[in-house]
Amino acid sequence: SCNYNRFTSLPNLPESIRYLSCDANYLTELPELPTILVDLCCCLNEITSLPNLPRSLRRLSCDDNHLKSLPNLPTLLNHLSCNTNHLRSLPN
C-alpha cells in the first residue's frame, strides 16, 4: 500500500504483485499492471485513463479520478466502483 502520499507516478511494478492500493496521491496514470493482479484500488487521484486491465483482476476501485472511459473489463471482475469521475459510458 502506498496510500496518502504525494506520488505523481509509480515505477514499473514487479510481476509478483497481486494487490495494489495507491489511493490519495497525485497520480495521473498507472504503469503497466502485473498479469496476476487481483485487486486494484486507485481512488482519490487525478488519473485520466487506466491501462489495460489484467484478466486476473477481480476488484477495481477507481473512485474520485478524472476518468472519461474505462478499458475492457476482465471477465472475472466481481467488484467495480468508479464513482465521481467523468464517465460517459461503460465498456461492453
Protein backbone atom coordinates (compact mmCIF):
# COMPACT_ATOMS: atom_id res chain seq x y z
CA SER A 1 0.00 0.00 0.00
CA CYS A 2 1.20 3.49 -0.84
CA ASN A 3 -1.91 5.46 0.13
CA TYR A 4 -1.91 9.11 1.22
CA ASN A 5 1.40 10.23 -0.15
CA ARG A 6 2.39 12.77 -2.77
CA PHE A 7 3.32 10.39 -5.58
CA THR A 8 2.85 11.75 -9.08
CA SER A 9 3.88 8.46 -10.70
CA LEU A 10 4.64 4.86 -9.83
CA PRO A 11 7.66 2.86 -11.01
CA ASN A 12 7.37 -0.28 -13.10
CA LEU A 13 5.67 -2.83 -10.91
CA PRO A 14 7.06 -6.30 -10.17
CA GLU A 15 5.11 -9.08 -11.84
CA SER A 16 4.58 -10.73 -8.43
CA ILE A 17 2.21 -8.03 -7.10
CA ARG A 18 -1.36 -9.27 -6.58
CA TYR A 19 -2.78 -6.31 -4.62
CA LEU A 20 -2.12 -2.65 -5.35
CA SER A 21 -3.53 0.19 -3.29
CA CYS A 22 -2.36 3.66 -4.24
CA ASP A 23 -5.28 5.82 -3.08
CA ALA A 24 -4.99 9.54 -2.35
CA ASN A 25 -1.91 10.56 -4.29
CA TYR A 26 -1.41 12.83 -7.30
CA LEU A 27 -1.20 10.10 -9.93
CA THR A 28 -2.33 10.95 -13.45
CA GLU A 29 -1.68 7.47 -14.85
CA LEU A 30 -0.69 3.98 -13.77
CA PRO A 31 2.14 1.87 -15.13
CA GLU A 32 1.50 -1.42 -16.89
CA LEU A 33 -0.18 -3.71 -14.40
CA PRO A 34 1.12 -7.15 -13.37
CA THR A 35 -0.68 -10.01 -15.09
CA ILE A 36 -1.56 -11.68 -11.76
CA LEU A 37 -3.07 -8.56 -10.13
CA VAL A 38 -6.41 -9.34 -8.47
CA ASP A 39 -7.20 -6.13 -6.58
CA LEU A 40 -6.59 -2.55 -7.69
CA CYS A 41 -7.54 0.48 -5.60
CA CYS A 42 -6.53 3.80 -7.10
CA CYS A 43 -9.15 6.19 -5.71
CA LEU A 44 -8.63 9.87 -5.00
CA ASN A 45 -6.05 10.58 -7.68
CA GLU A 46 -6.03 12.53 -10.94
CA ILE A 47 -5.99 9.55 -13.28
CA THR A 48 -7.39 10.31 -16.73
CA SER A 49 -7.25 6.77 -18.16
CA LEU A 50 -6.46 3.29 -16.93
CA PRO A 51 -4.04 0.90 -18.59
CA ASN A 52 -5.21 -2.45 -19.91
CA LEU A 53 -6.56 -4.45 -17.02
CA PRO A 54 -5.16 -7.92 -16.38
CA ARG A 55 -7.52 -10.83 -16.93
CA SER A 56 -6.93 -11.92 -13.31
CA LEU A 57 -8.43 -8.70 -11.86
CA ARG A 58 -11.42 -9.30 -9.58
CA ARG A 59 -11.77 -5.93 -7.83
CA LEU A 60 -11.39 -2.43 -9.23
CA SER A 61 -11.96 0.72 -7.19
CA CYS A 62 -11.16 3.89 -9.07
CA ASP A 63 -13.47 6.46 -7.46
CA ASP A 64 -12.72 10.18 -7.49
CA ASN A 65 -10.46 10.47 -10.50
CA HIS A 66 -10.77 12.14 -13.92
CA LEU A 67 -11.68 9.06 -15.94
CA LYS A 68 -13.71 9.62 -19.10
CA SER A 69 -13.89 5.94 -20.01
CA LEU A 70 -12.88 2.53 -18.74
CA PRO A 71 -10.87 -0.11 -20.58
CA ASN A 72 -12.40 -3.50 -21.28
CA LEU A 73 -13.34 -5.15 -18.02
CA PRO A 74 -11.97 -8.61 -17.20
CA THR A 75 -14.44 -11.47 -17.13
CA LEU A 76 -13.50 -12.40 -13.54
CA LEU A 77 -14.18 -8.88 -12.21
CA ASN A 78 -16.78 -9.09 -9.44
CA HIS A 79 -16.45 -5.63 -7.85
CA LEU A 80 -16.38 -2.32 -9.72
CA SER A 81 -16.56 1.08 -8.07
CA CYS A 82 -15.98 4.12 -10.26
CA ASN A 83 -17.96 6.89 -8.56
CA THR A 84 -17.21 10.57 -9.07
CA ASN A 85 -15.42 10.50 -12.40
CA HIS A 86 -16.27 11.95 -15.82
CA LEU A 87 -17.52 8.71 -17.35
CA ARG A 88 -19.84 8.92 -20.33
CA SER A 89 -20.32 5.18 -20.82
CA LEU A 90 -19.18 1.78 -19.64
CA PRO A 91 -17.40 -0.75 -21.84
CA ASN A 92 -19.45 -3.52 -23.45
